[in-house]
Amino acid sequence: MGEADMVRPDSDFMRTGAMPEILAVLLWIGAAVGIGWILCKVMNGKRFVCHQPLILALSGAMALALYFRFGLTVTAVQGIFLWFALLYGSMSDLTDHTMPDSVWVIVLALAIPSVMKHGIVSMLAGAVCVMLPQLALAVIPPHRTLGGADIKLSGALAVLLGFTGGLTAFLAGLLMAVVTVTVRDFVQTRLHKRRDCPKKPFALIPFLAVGGMVMFLIG
């Protein structure tokens, strides 16, 4: 084997530009984990429900998933900011069943880069189809409705994801919530051997967040 053959693999590796790409991906994942760590500190300061190791692991995994789906692009950056906004809103809802208005405002702002992709008509139609039935429940007896934060977030997600994506994300999140609550109540009833166990409130925003992030990755 000649000297040229011995150095060829390294030369081919460098010509492919793989090393800069790998370093960029590692930096991308590291940045996501770093932001997740900062966000955990903020949420701990507000006494939110927060499992730091899990959140850091999920943030790194989400950054990797966004890279594989979109590469190192503006869409990936849009997705990682969406992830952290939904994460903050979910932890807030799990803590005291509230969500700061800043969360849905951020999601709405993140929809701006999606105008060229989905079109303003599709985005507005998605918001109307998601929000209108929920608002109608507030005025039709017996006046049952989801929380105001749920309505705002689902509408903002519909604007971001467009008509099809927004509607699918909302229905998927609602279905996951119904299944989870049904199983929880069944288990609770079986454990207490009572059919009149008090129904505990549940947090819908984490389910909407899961549906929204999945549809963002698919879309």
Protein backbone atom coordinates (compact mmCIF):
# COMPACT_ATOMS: atom_id res chain seq x y z
CA MET A 1 0.00 0.00 0.00
CA GLY A 2 1.48 3.33 -1.07
CA GLU A 3 1.63 6.51 0.94
CA ALA A 4 -1.13 8.08 -1.16
CA ASP A 5 -3.49 5.19 -0.34
CA MET A 6 -2.77 5.56 3.37
CA VAL A 7 -3.78 9.23 3.53
CA ARG A 8 -6.74 9.01 1.14
CA PRO A 9 -9.45 8.19 3.77
CA ASP A 10 -8.55 11.27 5.83
CA SER A 11 -8.45 13.42 2.70
CA ASP A 12 -11.86 12.14 1.58
CA PHE A 13 -13.28 12.78 5.06
CA MET A 14 -12.09 16.38 5.06
CA ARG A 15 -13.32 16.97 1.50
CA THR A 16 -16.83 15.90 2.45
CA GLY A 17 -17.03 18.67 5.02
CA ALA A 18 -18.35 16.19 7.58
CA MET A 19 -16.30 17.55 10.46
CA PRO A 20 -17.69 21.12 10.31
CA GLU A 21 -21.21 19.69 10.02
CA ILE A 22 -20.71 17.45 13.05
CA LEU A 23 -19.34 20.36 15.08
CA ALA A 24 -22.28 22.53 14.03
CA VAL A 25 -24.78 19.86 15.10
CA LEU A 26 -23.04 19.38 18.45
CA LEU A 27 -23.13 23.14 18.99
CA TRP A 28 -26.80 23.19 18.04
CA ILE A 29 -27.65 20.44 20.52
CA GLY A 30 -25.49 22.04 23.19
CA ALA A 31 -27.25 25.36 22.72
CA ALA A 32 -30.65 23.66 23.09
CA VAL A 33 -29.55 21.91 26.28
CA GLY A 34 -28.11 25.18 27.59
CA ILE A 35 -31.34 27.06 26.95
CA GLY A 36 -33.23 24.21 28.60
CA TRP A 37 -30.99 24.51 31.66
CA ILE A 38 -31.63 28.26 31.88
CA LEU A 39 -35.36 27.70 31.47
CA CYS A 40 -35.29 25.12 34.27
CA LYS A 41 -33.67 27.68 36.55
CA VAL A 42 -36.40 30.18 35.69
CA MET A 43 -39.16 27.63 36.27
CA ASN A 44 -37.61 26.48 39.54
CA GLY A 45 -37.57 30.11 40.66
CA LYS A 46 -41.31 30.28 39.95
CA ARG A 47 -41.80 26.92 41.72
CA PHE A 48 -43.12 25.23 38.59
CA VAL A 49 -43.23 21.48 38.20
CA CYS A 50 -39.81 20.84 36.66
CA HIS A 51 -37.73 17.65 36.29
CA GLN A 52 -34.43 19.08 35.08
CA PRO A 53 -32.67 15.90 33.80
CA LEU A 54 -35.75 14.92 31.77
CA ILE A 55 -36.18 18.41 30.33
CA LEU A 56 -32.52 18.63 29.33
CA ALA A 57 -32.67 15.20 27.69
CA LEU A 58 -35.87 16.07 25.82
CA SER A 59 -34.44 19.43 24.70
CA GLY A 60 -31.37 17.72 23.24
CA ALA A 61 -33.54 15.08 21.56
CA MET A 62 -35.84 17.73 20.11
CA ALA A 63 -32.88 19.68 18.73
CA LEU A 64 -31.62 16.49 17.07
CA ALA A 65 -35.06 15.69 15.66
CA LEU A 66 -35.38 19.20 14.22
CA TYR A 67 -31.93 18.88 12.67
CA PHE A 68 -32.77 15.56 10.98
CA ARG A 69 -36.09 16.98 9.73
CA PHE A 70 -35.09 20.47 8.64
CA GLY A 71 -31.31 20.72 8.88
CA LEU A 72 -29.68 23.79 10.37
CA THR A 73 -32.26 26.18 8.95
CA VAL A 74 -34.57 28.97 10.04
CA THR A 75 -37.35 26.40 10.37
CA ALA A 76 -35.28 24.43 12.89
CA VAL A 77 -34.71 27.61 14.91
CA GLN A 78 -38.43 28.33 14.72
CA GLY A 79 -39.10 24.82 15.98
CA ILE A 80 -36.72 24.98 18.94
CA PHE A 81 -38.22 28.27 20.13
CA LEU A 82 -41.68 26.72 19.74
CA TRP A 83 -40.50 23.77 21.85
CA PHE A 84 -39.35 25.98 24.70
CA ALA A 85 -42.48 28.15 24.61
CA LEU A 86 -44.72 25.08 24.76
CA LEU A 87 -42.53 23.53 27.45
CA TYR A 88 -42.88 26.61 29.65
CA GLY A 89 -46.63 26.74 29.11
CA SER A 90 -46.99 23.03 29.87
CA MET A 91 -45.05 23.25 33.13
CA SER A 92 -47.10 26.27 34.17
CA ASP A 93 -50.34 24.42 33.46
CA LEU A 94 -49.17 21.32 35.33
CA THR A 95 -48.27 23.49 38.32
CA ASP A 96 -51.39 25.62 38.85
CA HIS A 97 -53.57 25.21 35.72
CA THR A 98 -52.66 28.61 34.32
CA MET A 99 -50.53 29.78 31.41
CA PRO A 100 -48.96 33.22 30.95
CA ASP A 101 -50.27 35.14 27.92
CA SER A 102 -46.67 35.52 26.80
CA VAL A 103 -46.66 31.85 25.70
CA TRP A 104 -49.41 32.11 23.09
CA VAL A 105 -48.10 35.50 21.98
CA ILE A 106 -44.67 33.92 21.33
CA VAL A 107 -46.31 31.06 19.40
CA LEU A 108 -48.25 33.61 17.35
CA ALA A 109 -45.05 35.55 16.62
CA LEU A 110 -43.32 32.32 15.54
CA ALA A 111 -46.05 31.91 12.90
CA ILE A 112 -44.69 34.83 10.86
CA PRO A 113 -42.08 32.73 8.98
CA SER A 114 -44.83 30.23 8.11
CA VAL A 115 -46.93 32.71 6.10
CA MET A 116 -45.19 31.80 2.83
CA LYS A 117 -45.59 28.08 3.55
CA HIS A 118 -49.22 27.87 4.63
CA GLY A 119 -50.74 31.12 3.40
CA ILE A 120 -52.56 33.64 5.52
CA VAL A 121 -56.00 32.29 4.54
CA SER A 122 -55.18 28.76 5.71
CA MET A 123 -53.66 30.07 8.94
CA LEU A 124 -56.66 32.25 9.81
CA ALA A 125 -59.13 29.53 8.80
CA GLY A 126 -57.36 27.10 11.11
CA ALA A 127 -57.60 29.50 14.03
CA VAL A 128 -61.30 30.13 13.41
CA CYS A 129 -62.14 26.41 13.11
CA VAL A 130 -60.27 25.61 16.31
CA MET A 131 -61.41 28.53 18.44
CA LEU A 132 -65.02 29.05 17.31
CA PRO A 133 -66.44 25.75 18.67
CA GLN A 134 -64.70 26.35 22.00
CA LEU A 135 -66.06 29.87 22.24
CA ALA A 136 -69.54 28.63 21.31
CA LEU A 137 -69.50 26.25 24.25
CA ALA A 138 -69.06 29.25 26.53
CA VAL A 139 -72.40 30.80 25.51
CA ILE A 140 -74.50 27.67 24.87
CA PRO A 141 -76.02 26.09 28.01
CA PRO A 142 -74.75 24.51 30.19
CA HIS A 143 -71.90 26.93 29.42
CA ARG A 144 -69.06 24.44 29.41
CA THR A 145 -65.79 25.43 27.87
CA LEU A 146 -62.09 24.83 27.97
CA GLY A 147 -59.90 27.29 29.80
CA GLY A 148 -59.10 30.60 28.18
CA ALA A 149 -55.41 29.69 27.97
CA ASP A 150 -56.28 26.45 26.14
CA ILE A 151 -58.34 28.36 23.57
CA LYS A 152 -55.65 30.98 23.00
CA LEU A 153 -52.85 28.43 22.63
CA SER A 154 -54.81 26.14 20.31
CA GLY A 155 -55.69 29.15 18.16
CA ALA A 156 -52.09 30.35 18.04
CA LEU A 157 -50.92 26.84 17.10
CA ALA A 158 -53.51 26.72 14.33
CA VAL A 159 -52.13 29.99 12.93
CA LEU A 160 -48.60 28.59 13.08
CA LEU A 161 -49.45 25.19 11.57
CA GLY A 162 -52.10 26.20 9.06
CA PHE A 163 -55.62 24.81 8.69
CA THR A 164 -54.85 21.09 8.41
CA GLY A 165 -51.94 21.02 10.84
CA GLY A 166 -53.64 23.21 13.42
CA LEU A 167 -56.89 21.26 13.38
CA THR A 168 -55.07 17.92 13.53
CA ALA A 169 -52.86 19.08 16.41
CA PHE A 170 -55.89 20.27 18.39
CA LEU A 171 -57.92 17.10 17.83
CA ALA A 172 -54.93 14.87 18.58
CA GLY A 173 -54.18 16.76 21.79
CA LEU A 174 -57.82 16.63 22.84
CA LEU A 175 -58.00 12.89 22.11
CA MET A 176 -54.85 12.19 24.13
CA ALA A 177 -56.24 14.23 27.01
CA VAL A 178 -59.60 12.43 26.98
CA VAL A 179 -57.94 9.00 26.92
CA THR A 180 -55.51 9.95 29.70
CA VAL A 181 -58.22 11.41 31.94
CA THR A 182 -60.52 8.43 31.33
CA VAL A 183 -57.78 5.99 32.31
CA ARG A 184 -56.84 8.11 35.33
CA ASP A 185 -60.41 8.29 36.58
CA PHE A 186 -60.91 4.57 36.02
CA VAL A 187 -57.79 3.71 38.00
CA GLN A 188 -58.76 6.17 40.73
CA THR A 189 -62.22 4.63 41.00
CA ARG A 190 -60.81 1.11 41.16
CA LEU A 191 -58.29 2.03 43.83
CA HIS A 192 -60.83 3.76 46.07
CA LYS A 193 -63.63 1.26 45.30
CA ARG A 194 -65.99 4.20 44.83
CA ARG A 195 -67.88 5.56 41.87
CA ASP A 196 -68.30 9.04 43.34
CA CYS A 197 -64.60 9.94 43.61
CA PRO A 198 -64.10 13.69 43.14
CA LYS A 199 -62.89 14.55 39.64
CA LYS A 200 -59.54 16.29 39.68
CA PRO A 201 -58.83 19.05 37.15
CA PHE A 202 -56.40 18.16 34.40
CA ALA A 203 -53.88 20.13 32.39
CA LEU A 204 -54.74 20.23 28.68
CA ILE A 205 -51.87 22.41 27.50
CA PRO A 206 -49.21 19.61 27.67
CA PHE A 207 -51.37 17.52 25.32
CA LEU A 208 -51.85 20.46 22.94
CA ALA A 209 -48.08 21.00 23.08
CA VAL A 210 -47.38 17.39 22.10
CA GLY A 211 -49.85 17.58 19.23
CA GLY A 212 -48.41 20.90 18.08
CA MET A 213 -44.79 19.76 18.12
CA VAL A 214 -45.59 16.51 16.31
CA MET A 215 -47.46 18.36 13.57
CA PHE A 216 -44.64 20.90 13.28
CA LEU A 217 -42.17 18.07 12.69
CA ILE A 218 -44.46 16.31 10.24
CA GLY A 219 -45.26 19.51 8.38
